[in-house]
Amino acid sequence: MTTGPAPVRQLDDSAVAELAQAAERILADCGTSATSPALLRRVADAAAHLGQAVRDHCRPVDTDHGLYVLRGLPVDDVEVGATPESWAKAGDSGALWDLVLLLLASAMGNPIAWEGQQEGRFVHNIVPAPGHERKQTGASSNVLLSPHTEDAFHPGRAHLLLLGCMRNHDHIATTAASVRRVRLAEADVATLCEAELPILPDDAYTQARDVSGSQPAVPTLWRGEHGLTLRFDPAYTPLERAGAAYRAAYARLEAELERVSMAVSLDPGEVLVLDNDLVVHGRVPFRARYDGTDRWLKRASVRVPGRRTRPVAENREDGYGQTVIEAHAV
């Protein structure tokens, strides 16, 4: 794993004030950060009128790292309140920051939510939850969260992922690795561009239909217009079904992603922006205390209209019955 710093985009005081004031106005008028058609319209309108300085920081990821850290937003550890016991009990905890994250997401593209995850909210609370310590989801804690493409099982998955830090007293790192930085033999690339295995829904989608039904095989790598992209989730990929050559190529890709992986320990107020077509992300293990002081992130997912970074064949997938909700369609 590499230890070099992630690329940083620093918001100045005027940009921070602009975002905070827009979020405060929406929260005052709507009384909640729980998404509704009226709130989403307010967010979209406010995002469309953000100043050029904010919009410049929301420009596409522009390095092979496939990510950047947006820095400068202030989060008061006392004012933000205790880390929620679970996403289901979070309610409007950190509501102002839900709206800041939604404004940023709307400036980057079209925020999305999932009918089958966190009650269809557009901003998720990522906190450790009792009983989930060893699961491969954001609610886990004392296991390594394996590097993965967010919602890799679904053709409507995000192009961009935003992780905003509310609290991280223990400096717990998010891991991130870009396919544009790996070194693979051409034969391995060709093998992994073949659609040989499915990627199954993860445990966060409790209402996903029985995966014994249709399980379309999908490629792990794809040669895009500007280089390789990937769709990767080893924890939910039945590698035992693949031939020996495919398993060997997949293992070499895993090893390369580990070699180029970065550890990004976010401070409160920092937002990690990941290109979900280039970067797999995970998290190092930690011991949760469940006392209101544990690590707390907020997550927003974004689709970028008109972006062509995926095989056309994905359009024929049904996504295991999971429905994407797009903000502009609500």
C-alpha atoms as a PDB file:
ATOM      1  CA  MET A   1       0.000   0.000   0.000  1.00  0.00           C
ATOM      2  CA  THR A   2       1.301   3.446  -0.905  1.00  0.00           C
ATOM      3  CA  THR A   3       1.411   6.270   1.610  1.00  0.00           C
ATOM      4  CA  GLY A   4       1.580   9.327  -0.652  1.00  0.00           C
ATOM      5  CA  PRO A   5      -0.991  12.093  -0.130  1.00  0.00           C
ATOM      6  CA  ALA A   6      -4.224  12.168  -2.070  1.00  0.00           C
ATOM      7  CA  PRO A   7      -4.782  15.107  -4.448  1.00  0.00           C
ATOM      8  CA  VAL A   8      -6.464  17.985  -2.577  1.00  0.00           C
ATOM      9  CA  ARG A   9      -8.811  20.768  -3.681  1.00  0.00           C
ATOM     10  CA  GLN A  10      -9.022  23.505  -1.031  1.00  0.00           C
ATOM     11  CA  LEU A  11     -12.230  25.502  -0.665  1.00  0.00           C
ATOM     12  CA  ASP A  12     -11.676  29.138   0.294  1.00  0.00           C
ATOM     13  CA  ASP A  13     -13.707  30.929   2.968  1.00  0.00           C
ATOM     14  CA  SER A  14     -16.146  32.500   0.520  1.00  0.00           C
ATOM     15  CA  ALA A  15     -16.912  29.148  -1.150  1.00  0.00           C
ATOM     16  CA  VAL A  16     -17.445  27.512   2.252  1.00  0.00           C
ATOM     17  CA  ALA A  17     -19.778  30.332   3.308  1.00  0.00           C
ATOM     18  CA  GLU A  18     -21.731  30.054   0.060  1.00  0.00           C
ATOM     19  CA  LEU A  19     -22.316  26.313   0.533  1.00  0.00           C
ATOM     20  CA  ALA A  20     -23.198  26.662   4.221  1.00  0.00           C
ATOM     21  CA  GLN A  21     -25.643  29.510   3.622  1.00  0.00           C
ATOM     22  CA  ALA A  22     -27.396  27.671   0.791  1.00  0.00           C
ATOM     23  CA  ALA A  23     -27.714  24.550   2.968  1.00  0.00           C
ATOM     24  CA  GLU A  24     -28.984  26.582   5.938  1.00  0.00           C
ATOM     25  CA  ARG A  25     -31.684  28.243   3.817  1.00  0.00           C
ATOM     26  CA  ILE A  26     -32.923  24.916   2.493  1.00  0.00           C
ATOM     27  CA  LEU A  27     -32.925  23.342   5.957  1.00  0.00           C
ATOM     28  CA  ALA A  28     -34.796  26.311   7.455  1.00  0.00           C
ATOM     29  CA  ASP A  29     -37.450  26.211   4.731  1.00  0.00           C
ATOM     30  CA  CYS A  30     -37.872  22.423   4.543  1.00  0.00           C
ATOM     31  CA  GLY A  31     -37.300  21.620   8.220  1.00  0.00           C
ATOM     32  CA  THR A  32     -35.517  18.351   7.473  1.00  0.00           C
ATOM     33  CA  SER A  33     -32.876  16.790   5.246  1.00  0.00           C
ATOM     34  CA  ALA A  34     -35.132  13.807   4.463  1.00  0.00           C
ATOM     35  CA  THR A  35     -35.413  13.960   0.697  1.00  0.00           C
ATOM     36  CA  SER A  36     -38.689  14.979  -0.913  1.00  0.00           C
ATOM     37  CA  PRO A  37     -39.524  16.354  -4.373  1.00  0.00           C
ATOM     38  CA  ALA A  38     -39.683  19.882  -2.948  1.00  0.00           C
ATOM     39  CA  LEU A  39     -36.330  19.599  -1.181  1.00  0.00           C
ATOM     40  CA  LEU A  40     -34.632  18.081  -4.237  1.00  0.00           C
ATOM     41  CA  ARG A  41     -35.931  20.910  -6.414  1.00  0.00           C
ATOM     42  CA  ARG A  42     -34.528  23.444  -3.936  1.00  0.00           C
ATOM     43  CA  VAL A  43     -31.156  21.683  -3.922  1.00  0.00           C
ATOM     44  CA  ALA A  44     -31.007  21.516  -7.719  1.00  0.00           C
ATOM     45  CA  ASP A  45     -31.858  25.212  -8.055  1.00  0.00           C
ATOM     46  CA  ALA A  46     -29.300  26.239  -5.409  1.00  0.00           C
ATOM     47  CA  ALA A  47     -26.611  24.052  -6.984  1.00  0.00           C
ATOM     48  CA  ALA A  48     -27.256  25.599 -10.403  1.00  0.00           C
ATOM     49  CA  HIS A  49     -26.526  29.046  -8.938  1.00  0.00           C
ATOM     50  CA  LEU A  50     -23.336  28.171  -7.048  1.00  0.00           C
ATOM     51  CA  GLY A  51     -20.393  30.426  -7.837  1.00  0.00           C
ATOM     52  CA  GLN A  52     -17.576  29.528 -10.179  1.00  0.00           C
ATOM     53  CA  ALA A  53     -15.113  28.807  -7.363  1.00  0.00           C
ATOM     54  CA  VAL A  54     -17.299  25.999  -5.989  1.00  0.00           C
ATOM     55  CA  ARG A  55     -18.059  24.672  -9.464  1.00  0.00           C
ATOM     56  CA  ASP A  56     -14.348  24.562 -10.323  1.00  0.00           C
ATOM     57  CA  HIS A  57     -13.772  22.304  -7.326  1.00  0.00           C
ATOM     58  CA  CYS A  58     -16.603  20.064  -8.524  1.00  0.00           C
ATOM     59  CA  ARG A  59     -15.009  19.492 -11.944  1.00  0.00           C
ATOM     60  CA  PRO A  60     -14.328  15.871 -12.973  1.00  0.00           C
ATOM     61  CA  VAL A  61     -11.529  13.882 -11.375  1.00  0.00           C
ATOM     62  CA  ASP A  62      -8.477  14.746 -13.467  1.00  0.00           C
ATOM     63  CA  THR A  63      -5.586  12.503 -12.338  1.00  0.00           C
ATOM     64  CA  ASP A  64      -4.872   8.782 -12.632  1.00  0.00           C
ATOM     65  CA  HIS A  65      -5.432   8.522  -8.873  1.00  0.00           C
ATOM     66  CA  GLY A  66      -9.123   8.726  -9.729  1.00  0.00           C
ATOM     67  CA  LEU A  67      -9.954  10.716  -6.601  1.00  0.00           C
ATOM     68  CA  TYR A  68      -9.427  13.923  -4.677  1.00  0.00           C
ATOM     69  CA  VAL A  69     -10.108  15.307  -1.212  1.00  0.00           C
ATOM     70  CA  LEU A  70     -12.237  18.446  -0.996  1.00  0.00           C
ATOM     71  CA  ARG A  71     -11.004  20.345   2.057  1.00  0.00           C
ATOM     72  CA  GLY A  72     -12.153  23.379   4.015  1.00  0.00           C
ATOM     73  CA  LEU A  73     -15.668  22.624   5.287  1.00  0.00           C
ATOM     74  CA  PRO A  74     -15.870  23.098   9.093  1.00  0.00           C
ATOM     75  CA  VAL A  75     -17.544  20.438  11.264  1.00  0.00           C
ATOM     76  CA  ASP A  76     -17.901  21.159  14.988  1.00  0.00           C
ATOM     77  CA  ASP A  77     -17.529  17.904  16.927  1.00  0.00           C
ATOM     78  CA  VAL A  78     -19.957  19.029  19.653  1.00  0.00           C
ATOM     79  CA  GLU A  79     -22.482  20.768  17.447  1.00  0.00           C
ATOM     80  CA  VAL A  80     -22.862  17.839  15.069  1.00  0.00           C
ATOM     81  CA  GLY A  81     -24.030  15.575  17.913  1.00  0.00           C
ATOM     82  CA  ALA A  82     -23.264  11.973  18.763  1.00  0.00           C
ATOM     83  CA  THR A  83     -22.450   9.393  16.119  1.00  0.00           C
ATOM     84  CA  PRO A  84     -25.772   7.627  15.407  1.00  0.00           C
ATOM     85  CA  GLU A  85     -26.188   4.079  16.728  1.00  0.00           C
ATOM     86  CA  SER A  86     -27.012   2.908  13.199  1.00  0.00           C
ATOM     87  CA  TRP A  87     -28.175   4.384   9.909  1.00  0.00           C
ATOM     88  CA  ALA A  88     -31.754   3.432  10.828  1.00  0.00           C
ATOM     89  CA  LYS A  89     -31.589   5.604  13.955  1.00  0.00           C
ATOM     90  CA  ALA A  90     -29.743   8.529  12.358  1.00  0.00           C
ATOM     91  CA  GLY A  91     -32.821  10.506  11.310  1.00  0.00           C
ATOM     92  CA  ASP A  92     -31.768  14.121  10.734  1.00  0.00           C
ATOM     93  CA  SER A  93     -28.419  13.788  12.527  1.00  0.00           C
ATOM     94  CA  GLY A  94     -25.994  16.144  10.785  1.00  0.00           C
ATOM     95  CA  ALA A  95     -28.842  17.390   8.572  1.00  0.00           C
ATOM     96  CA  LEU A  96     -26.975  20.509   7.455  1.00  0.00           C
ATOM     97  CA  TRP A  97     -24.177  18.340   6.097  1.00  0.00           C
ATOM     98  CA  ASP A  98     -26.632  16.117   4.249  1.00  0.00           C
ATOM     99  CA  LEU A  99     -27.594  19.236   2.312  1.00  0.00           C
ATOM    100  CA  VAL A 100     -24.017  20.426   1.787  1.00  0.00           C
ATOM    101  CA  LEU A 101     -23.177  17.005   0.363  1.00  0.00           C
ATOM    102  CA  LEU A 102     -26.284  17.063  -1.825  1.00  0.00           C
ATOM    103  CA  LEU A 103     -25.343  20.507  -3.152  1.00  0.00           C
ATOM    104  CA  LEU A 104     -21.877  19.261  -4.081  1.00  0.00           C
ATOM    105  CA  ALA A 105     -23.317  16.095  -5.624  1.00  0.00           C
ATOM    106  CA  SER A 106     -25.797  18.157  -7.660  1.00  0.00           C
ATOM    107  CA  ALA A 107     -22.988  20.389  -8.929  1.00  0.00           C
ATOM    108  CA  MET A 108     -21.157  17.266 -10.143  1.00  0.00           C
ATOM    109  CA  GLY A 109     -24.091  15.493 -11.781  1.00  0.00           C
ATOM    110  CA  ASN A 110     -27.356  13.845 -10.768  1.00  0.00           C
ATOM    111  CA  PRO A 111     -27.601  12.433  -7.211  1.00  0.00           C
ATOM    112  CA  ILE A 112     -29.101   8.942  -6.954  1.00  0.00           C
ATOM    113  CA  ALA A 113     -30.683   6.855  -4.212  1.00  0.00           C
ATOM    114  CA  TRP A 114     -31.839   3.240  -3.950  1.00  0.00           C
ATOM    115  CA  GLU A 115     -35.311   2.042  -3.049  1.00  0.00           C
ATOM    116  CA  GLY A 116     -33.755  -0.940  -1.278  1.00  0.00           C
ATOM    117  CA  GLN A 117     -31.104   0.846   0.791  1.00  0.00           C
ATOM    118  CA  GLN A 118     -31.400   3.236   3.757  1.00  0.00           C
ATOM    119  CA  GLU A 119     -35.080   3.892   3.008  1.00  0.00           C
ATOM    120  CA  GLY A 120     -34.391   5.618  -0.288  1.00  0.00           C
ATOM    121  CA  ARG A 121     -32.409   8.514   1.203  1.00  0.00           C
ATOM    122  CA  PHE A 122     -30.038  10.387  -1.089  1.00  0.00           C
ATOM    123  CA  VAL A 123     -27.408  10.795   1.647  1.00  0.00           C
ATOM    124  CA  HIS A 124     -26.451   7.715   3.671  1.00  0.00           C
ATOM    125  CA  ASN A 125     -24.994   7.621   7.166  1.00  0.00           C
ATOM    126  CA  ILE A 126     -22.036   5.238   7.358  1.00  0.00           C
ATOM    127  CA  VAL A 127     -21.527   4.206  10.978  1.00  0.00           C
ATOM    128  CA  PRO A 128     -20.585   0.955  12.728  1.00  0.00           C
ATOM    129  CA  ALA A 129     -23.609  -1.042  13.880  1.00  0.00           C
ATOM    130  CA  PRO A 130     -23.774  -3.775  16.561  1.00  0.00           C
ATOM    131  CA  GLY A 131     -24.173  -7.205  15.003  1.00  0.00           C
ATOM    132  CA  HIS A 132     -22.617  -6.126  11.686  1.00  0.00           C
ATOM    133  CA  GLU A 133     -18.970  -6.108  12.795  1.00  0.00           C
ATOM    134  CA  ARG A 134     -17.836  -8.769  10.312  1.00  0.00           C
ATOM    135  CA  LYS A 135     -20.099  -8.093   7.330  1.00  0.00           C
ATOM    136  CA  GLN A 136     -18.836  -6.731   4.023  1.00  0.00           C
ATOM    137  CA  THR A 137     -20.882  -3.511   4.253  1.00  0.00           C
ATOM    138  CA  GLY A 138     -20.314   0.029   5.519  1.00  0.00           C
ATOM    139  CA  ALA A 139     -21.792  -0.950   8.907  1.00  0.00           C
ATOM    140  CA  SER A 140     -18.897  -3.314   9.653  1.00  0.00           C
ATOM    141  CA  SER A 141     -15.918  -2.492  11.832  1.00  0.00           C
ATOM    142  CA  ASN A 142     -13.493  -5.195  12.959  1.00  0.00           C
ATOM    143  CA  VAL A 143     -12.850  -6.717   9.522  1.00  0.00           C
ATOM    144  CA  LEU A 144     -11.157  -5.278   6.471  1.00  0.00           C
ATOM    145  CA  LEU A 145     -13.828  -3.906   4.138  1.00  0.00           C
ATOM    146  CA  SER A 146     -12.569  -5.412   0.886  1.00  0.00           C
ATOM    147  CA  PRO A 147     -11.756  -2.998  -1.953  1.00  0.00           C
ATOM    148  CA  HIS A 148     -14.763  -2.821  -4.264  1.00  0.00           C
ATOM    149  CA  THR A 149     -16.665  -0.802  -6.827  1.00  0.00           C
ATOM    150  CA  GLU A 150     -19.670   0.791  -5.112  1.00  0.00           C
ATOM    151  CA  ASP A 151     -22.856  -1.145  -5.990  1.00  0.00           C
ATOM    152  CA  ALA A 152     -20.881  -3.171  -8.525  1.00  0.00           C
ATOM    153  CA  PHE A 153     -23.802  -5.575  -9.072  1.00  0.00           C
ATOM    154  CA  HIS A 154     -25.978  -2.896 -10.677  1.00  0.00           C
ATOM    155  CA  PRO A 155     -25.766  -1.241 -14.126  1.00  0.00           C
ATOM    156  CA  GLY A 156     -27.183   1.987 -12.654  1.00  0.00           C
ATOM    157  CA  ARG A 157     -24.414   2.362 -10.066  1.00  0.00           C
ATOM    158  CA  ALA A 158     -22.838   5.742  -9.392  1.00  0.00           C
ATOM    159  CA  HIS A 159     -20.149   7.283 -11.559  1.00  0.00           C
ATOM    160  CA  LEU A 160     -18.924   9.312  -8.566  1.00  0.00           C
ATOM    161  CA  LEU A 161     -18.969   8.572  -4.847  1.00  0.00           C
ATOM    162  CA  LEU A 162     -18.711  11.292  -2.178  1.00  0.00           C
ATOM    163  CA  LEU A 163     -17.671  10.382   1.373  1.00  0.00           C
ATOM    164  CA  GLY A 164     -18.001  13.304   3.788  1.00  0.00           C
ATOM    165  CA  CYS A 165     -16.386  12.973   7.216  1.00  0.00           C
ATOM    166  CA  MET A 166     -18.376  14.010  10.278  1.00  0.00           C
ATOM    167  CA  ARG A 167     -16.130  12.338  12.861  1.00  0.00           C
ATOM    168  CA  ASN A 168     -12.946  10.253  12.799  1.00  0.00           C
ATOM    169  CA  HIS A 169     -11.257  10.465  16.201  1.00  0.00           C
ATOM    170  CA  ASP A 170      -9.319   7.257  15.546  1.00  0.00           C
ATOM    171  CA  HIS A 171      -7.953   8.308  12.130  1.00  0.00           C
ATOM    172  CA  ILE A 172      -9.491   5.243  10.455  1.00  0.00           C
ATOM    173  CA  ALA A 173      -8.438   5.121   6.828  1.00  0.00           C
ATOM    174  CA  THR A 174     -10.486   4.608   3.704  1.00  0.00           C
ATOM    175  CA  THR A 175      -8.462   2.616   1.185  1.00  0.00           C
ATOM    176  CA  ALA A 176      -8.568   3.492  -2.505  1.00  0.00           C
ATOM    177  CA  ALA A 177      -6.841   2.070  -5.578  1.00  0.00           C
ATOM    178  CA  SER A 178      -7.109   3.177  -9.208  1.00  0.00           C
ATOM    179  CA  VAL A 179      -7.090   0.792 -12.156  1.00  0.00           C
ATOM    180  CA  ARG A 180      -5.208   3.472 -14.117  1.00  0.00           C
ATOM    181  CA  ARG A 181      -2.150   2.926 -11.869  1.00  0.00           C
ATOM    182  CA  VAL A 182      -1.902  -0.872 -12.087  1.00  0.00           C
ATOM    183  CA  ARG A 183       0.519  -2.811 -14.278  1.00  0.00           C
ATOM    184  CA  LEU A 184      -1.057  -5.851 -15.927  1.00  0.00           C
ATOM    185  CA  ALA A 185       0.054  -8.045 -18.811  1.00  0.00           C
ATOM    186  CA  GLU A 186      -1.994  -7.520 -21.951  1.00  0.00           C
ATOM    187  CA  ALA A 187      -3.127 -11.144 -21.772  1.00  0.00           C
ATOM    188  CA  ASP A 188      -4.579 -10.559 -18.294  1.00  0.00           C
ATOM    189  CA  VAL A 189      -6.385  -7.432 -19.471  1.00  0.00           C
ATOM    190  CA  ALA A 190      -7.875  -9.358 -22.403  1.00  0.00           C
ATOM    191  CA  THR A 191      -9.008 -12.177 -20.106  1.00  0.00           C
ATOM    192  CA  LEU A 192     -10.642  -9.825 -17.597  1.00  0.00           C
ATOM    193  CA  CYS A 193     -12.431  -7.927 -20.366  1.00  0.00           C
ATOM    194  CA  GLU A 194     -14.427 -11.113 -21.011  1.00  0.00           C
ATOM    195  CA  ALA A 195     -17.798 -11.478 -19.278  1.00  0.00           C
ATOM    196  CA  GLU A 196     -17.254 -14.690 -17.312  1.00  0.00           C
ATOM    197  CA  LEU A 197     -18.765 -14.176 -13.834  1.00  0.00           C
ATOM    198  CA  PRO A 198     -21.670 -12.302 -12.222  1.00  0.00           C
ATOM    199  CA  ILE A 199     -21.365  -9.831  -9.358  1.00  0.00           C
ATOM    200  CA  LEU A 200     -24.073 -10.528  -6.788  1.00  0.00           C
ATOM    201  CA  PRO A 201     -25.948  -7.951  -4.645  1.00  0.00           C
ATOM    202  CA  ASP A 202     -24.237  -7.157  -1.364  1.00  0.00           C
ATOM    203  CA  ASP A 203     -25.709  -7.582   2.102  1.00  0.00           C
ATOM    204  CA  ALA A 204     -26.850  -3.942   2.292  1.00  0.00           C
ATOM    205  CA  TYR A 205     -29.672  -4.748  -0.138  1.00  0.00           C
ATOM    206  CA  THR A 206     -31.921  -6.752   2.148  1.00  0.00           C
ATOM    207  CA  GLN A 207     -34.795  -6.717  -0.337  1.00  0.00           C
ATOM    208  CA  ALA A 208     -32.750  -7.883  -3.335  1.00  0.00           C
ATOM    209  CA  ARG A 209     -34.568 -10.639  -5.154  1.00  0.00           C
ATOM    210  CA  ASP A 210     -33.393 -14.243  -4.810  1.00  0.00           C
ATOM    211  CA  VAL A 211     -29.975 -14.333  -6.482  1.00  0.00           C
ATOM    212  CA  SER A 212     -30.652 -17.896  -7.629  1.00  0.00           C
ATOM    213  CA  GLY A 213     -32.472 -16.262 -10.564  1.00  0.00           C
ATOM    214  CA  SER A 214     -30.836 -14.397 -13.444  1.00  0.00           C
ATOM    215  CA  GLN A 215     -27.150 -13.764 -12.776  1.00  0.00           C
ATOM    216  CA  PRO A 216     -25.633 -12.072 -15.839  1.00  0.00           C
ATOM    217  CA  ALA A 217     -21.912 -12.475 -16.357  1.00  0.00           C
ATOM    218  CA  VAL A 218     -20.126  -9.109 -16.531  1.00  0.00           C
ATOM    219  CA  PRO A 219     -16.568  -8.068 -17.471  1.00  0.00           C
ATOM    220  CA  THR A 220     -14.189  -7.037 -14.695  1.00  0.00           C
ATOM    221  CA  LEU A 221     -12.305  -4.618 -16.959  1.00  0.00           C
ATOM    222  CA  TRP A 222     -13.387  -2.542 -19.920  1.00  0.00           C
ATOM    223  CA  ARG A 223     -11.343  -0.540 -22.416  1.00  0.00           C
ATOM    224  CA  GLY A 224     -12.896   2.906 -22.290  1.00  0.00           C
ATOM    225  CA  GLU A 225     -12.233   5.891 -24.514  1.00  0.00           C
ATOM    226  CA  HIS A 226      -9.614   7.252 -22.090  1.00  0.00           C
ATOM    227  CA  GLY A 227      -8.251   4.000 -20.639  1.00  0.00           C
ATOM    228  CA  LEU A 228      -9.269   1.047 -18.520  1.00  0.00           C
ATOM    229  CA  THR A 229     -12.300   1.112 -16.254  1.00  0.00           C
ATOM    230  CA  LEU A 230     -13.331  -1.618 -13.828  1.00  0.00           C
ATOM    231  CA  ARG A 231     -16.274  -3.271 -12.114  1.00  0.00           C
ATOM    232  CA  PHE A 232     -14.909  -5.157  -9.134  1.00  0.00           C
ATOM    233  CA  ASP A 233     -16.261  -6.717  -5.953  1.00  0.00           C
ATOM    234  CA  PRO A 234     -14.429  -9.930  -5.000  1.00  0.00           C
ATOM    235  CA  ALA A 235     -16.501 -10.459  -1.841  1.00  0.00           C
ATOM    236  CA  TYR A 236     -19.625 -10.902  -3.999  1.00  0.00           C
ATOM    237  CA  THR A 237     -18.076 -12.505  -7.092  1.00  0.00           C
ATOM    238  CA  PRO A 238     -18.321 -16.354  -7.227  1.00  0.00           C
ATOM    239  CA  LEU A 239     -14.748 -16.857  -8.399  1.00  0.00           C
ATOM    240  CA  GLU A 240     -15.011 -20.606  -7.848  1.00  0.00           C
ATOM    241  CA  ARG A 241     -17.164 -20.772 -11.003  1.00  0.00           C
ATOM    242  CA  ALA A 242     -14.391 -19.376 -13.238  1.00  0.00           C
ATOM    243  CA  GLY A 243     -11.712 -21.215 -15.124  1.00  0.00           C
ATOM    244  CA  ALA A 244      -8.136 -21.332 -13.868  1.00  0.00           C
ATOM    245  CA  ALA A 245      -6.867 -18.679 -16.298  1.00  0.00           C
ATOM    246  CA  TYR A 246      -9.559 -16.210 -15.253  1.00  0.00           C
ATOM    247  CA  ARG A 247      -8.974 -16.808 -11.538  1.00  0.00           C
ATOM    248  CA  ALA A 248      -5.228 -16.292 -11.994  1.00  0.00           C
ATOM    249  CA  ALA A 249      -5.720 -13.033 -13.917  1.00  0.00           C
ATOM    250  CA  TYR A 250      -8.207 -11.825 -11.298  1.00  0.00           C
ATOM    251  CA  ALA A 251      -5.718 -12.605  -8.514  1.00  0.00           C
ATOM    252  CA  ARG A 252      -3.027 -10.616 -10.298  1.00  0.00           C
ATOM    253  CA  LEU A 253      -5.419  -7.665 -10.618  1.00  0.00           C
ATOM    254  CA  GLU A 254      -6.178  -7.903  -6.878  1.00  0.00           C
ATOM    255  CA  ALA A 255      -2.457  -7.901  -6.106  1.00  0.00           C
ATOM    256  CA  GLU A 256      -1.860  -4.864  -8.314  1.00  0.00           C
ATOM    257  CA  LEU A 257      -4.735  -2.943  -6.756  1.00  0.00           C
ATOM    258  CA  GLU A 258      -3.251  -3.703  -3.343  1.00  0.00           C
ATOM    259  CA  ARG A 259       0.167  -2.503  -4.534  1.00  0.00           C
ATOM    260  CA  VAL A 260      -1.154   0.891  -5.652  1.00  0.00           C
ATOM    261  CA  SER A 261      -3.713   1.291  -2.855  1.00  0.00           C
ATOM    262  CA  MET A 262      -3.730   4.545  -0.893  1.00  0.00           C
ATOM    263  CA  ALA A 263      -4.818   5.014   2.720  1.00  0.00           C
ATOM    264  CA  VAL A 264      -6.878   8.190   3.077  1.00  0.00           C
ATOM    265  CA  SER A 265      -7.658   9.167   6.672  1.00  0.00           C
ATOM    266  CA  LEU A 266     -10.303  11.875   6.490  1.00  0.00           C
ATOM    267  CA  ASP A 267     -10.598  14.699   9.000  1.00  0.00           C
ATOM    268  CA  PRO A 268     -14.004  16.182   9.878  1.00  0.00           C
ATOM    269  CA  GLY A 269     -15.271  18.395   7.069  1.00  0.00           C
ATOM    270  CA  GLU A 270     -13.222  16.691   4.363  1.00  0.00           C
ATOM    271  CA  VAL A 271     -15.010  15.079   1.437  1.00  0.00           C
ATOM    272  CA  LEU A 272     -13.371  12.253  -0.486  1.00  0.00           C
ATOM    273  CA  VAL A 273     -14.553  12.203  -4.121  1.00  0.00           C
ATOM    274  CA  LEU A 274     -13.986   8.886  -5.908  1.00  0.00           C
ATOM    275  CA  ASP A 275     -14.452   8.015  -9.572  1.00  0.00           C
ATOM    276  CA  ASN A 276     -16.390   4.756  -9.223  1.00  0.00           C
ATOM    277  CA  ASP A 277     -15.369   3.599 -12.718  1.00  0.00           C
ATOM    278  CA  LEU A 278     -11.651   3.881 -11.930  1.00  0.00           C
ATOM    279  CA  VAL A 279     -11.283   3.385  -8.187  1.00  0.00           C
ATOM    280  CA  VAL A 280     -12.082   0.585  -5.772  1.00  0.00           C
ATOM    281  CA  HIS A 281     -12.411   1.602  -2.143  1.00  0.00           C
ATOM    282  CA  GLY A 282     -12.525  -0.146   1.219  1.00  0.00           C
ATOM    283  CA  ARG A 283     -11.709   0.500   4.867  1.00  0.00           C
ATOM    284  CA  VAL A 284      -9.176  -0.740   7.388  1.00  0.00           C
ATOM    285  CA  PRO A 285     -10.489  -2.673  10.435  1.00  0.00           C
ATOM    286  CA  PHE A 286     -11.193  -0.863  13.691  1.00  0.00           C
ATOM    287  CA  ARG A 287     -12.799  -1.549  17.068  1.00  0.00           C
ATOM    288  CA  ALA A 288     -16.129   0.219  17.475  1.00  0.00           C
ATOM    289  CA  ARG A 289     -17.051   1.642  20.896  1.00  0.00           C
ATOM    290  CA  TYR A 290     -20.759   2.356  20.260  1.00  0.00           C
ATOM    291  CA  ASP A 291     -20.550   5.319  22.624  1.00  0.00           C
ATOM    292  CA  GLY A 292     -21.370   8.180  20.262  1.00  0.00           C
ATOM    293  CA  THR A 293     -17.748   8.889  19.326  1.00  0.00           C
ATOM    294  CA  ASP A 294     -17.180   6.314  16.552  1.00  0.00           C
ATOM    295  CA  ARG A 295     -16.234   7.132  12.972  1.00  0.00           C
ATOM    296  CA  TRP A 296     -19.118   8.721  11.060  1.00  0.00           C
ATOM    297  CA  LEU A 297     -19.200   9.359   7.336  1.00  0.00           C
ATOM    298  CA  LYS A 298     -21.952  10.572   5.034  1.00  0.00           C
ATOM    299  CA  ARG A 299     -22.171   9.126   1.534  1.00  0.00           C
ATOM    300  CA  ALA A 300     -23.711  10.490  -1.644  1.00  0.00           C
ATOM    301  CA  SER A 301     -23.780   8.819  -5.057  1.00  0.00           C
ATOM    302  CA  VAL A 302     -23.788  10.653  -8.387  1.00  0.00           C
ATOM    303  CA  ARG A 303     -24.474   9.697 -11.978  1.00  0.00           C
ATOM    304  CA  VAL A 304     -22.998  11.965 -14.649  1.00  0.00           C
ATOM    305  CA  PRO A 305     -25.379  12.416 -17.615  1.00  0.00           C
ATOM    306  CA  GLY A 306     -23.906  11.438 -20.955  1.00  0.00           C
ATOM    307  CA  ARG A 307     -20.836   9.750 -19.486  1.00  0.00           C
ATOM    308  CA  ARG A 308     -19.627   6.790 -21.577  1.00  0.00           C
ATOM    309  CA  THR A 309     -17.327   4.703 -19.398  1.00  0.00           C
ATOM    310  CA  ARG A 310     -19.178   1.356 -19.438  1.00  0.00           C
ATOM    311  CA  PRO A 311     -20.035  -1.381 -21.934  1.00  0.00           C
ATOM    312  CA  VAL A 312     -23.318  -0.914 -23.785  1.00  0.00           C
ATOM    313  CA  ALA A 313     -24.255  -4.480 -22.768  1.00  0.00           C
ATOM    314  CA  GLU A 314     -24.881  -3.228 -19.218  1.00  0.00           C
ATOM    315  CA  ASN A 315     -28.100  -1.632 -20.471  1.00  0.00           C
ATOM    316  CA  ARG A 316     -29.624  -5.119 -20.772  1.00  0.00           C
ATOM    317  CA  GLU A 317     -29.121  -5.982 -17.088  1.00  0.00           C
ATOM    318  CA  ASP A 318     -32.030  -5.755 -14.652  1.00  0.00           C
ATOM    319  CA  GLY A 319     -29.922  -5.077 -11.548  1.00  0.00           C
ATOM    320  CA  TYR A 320     -31.404  -7.936  -9.521  1.00  0.00           C
ATOM    321  CA  GLY A 321     -34.669  -6.057  -9.177  1.00  0.00           C
ATOM    322  CA  GLN A 322     -33.094  -3.071  -7.366  1.00  0.00           C
ATOM    323  CA  THR A 323     -34.423   0.337  -8.448  1.00  0.00           C
ATOM    324  CA  VAL A 324     -32.304   3.461  -8.774  1.00  0.00           C
ATOM    325  CA  ILE A 325     -34.013   6.762  -7.915  1.00  0.00           C
ATOM    326  CA  GLU A 326     -32.564   9.744  -9.778  1.00  0.00           C
ATOM    327  CA  ALA A 327     -32.976  13.171  -8.182  1.00  0.00           C
ATOM    328  CA  HIS A 328     -34.068  14.924 -11.371  1.00  0.00           C
ATOM    329  CA  ALA A 329     -36.855  12.349 -11.859  1.00  0.00           C
ATOM    330  CA  VAL A 330     -38.391  12.738  -8.363  1.00  0.00           C
END
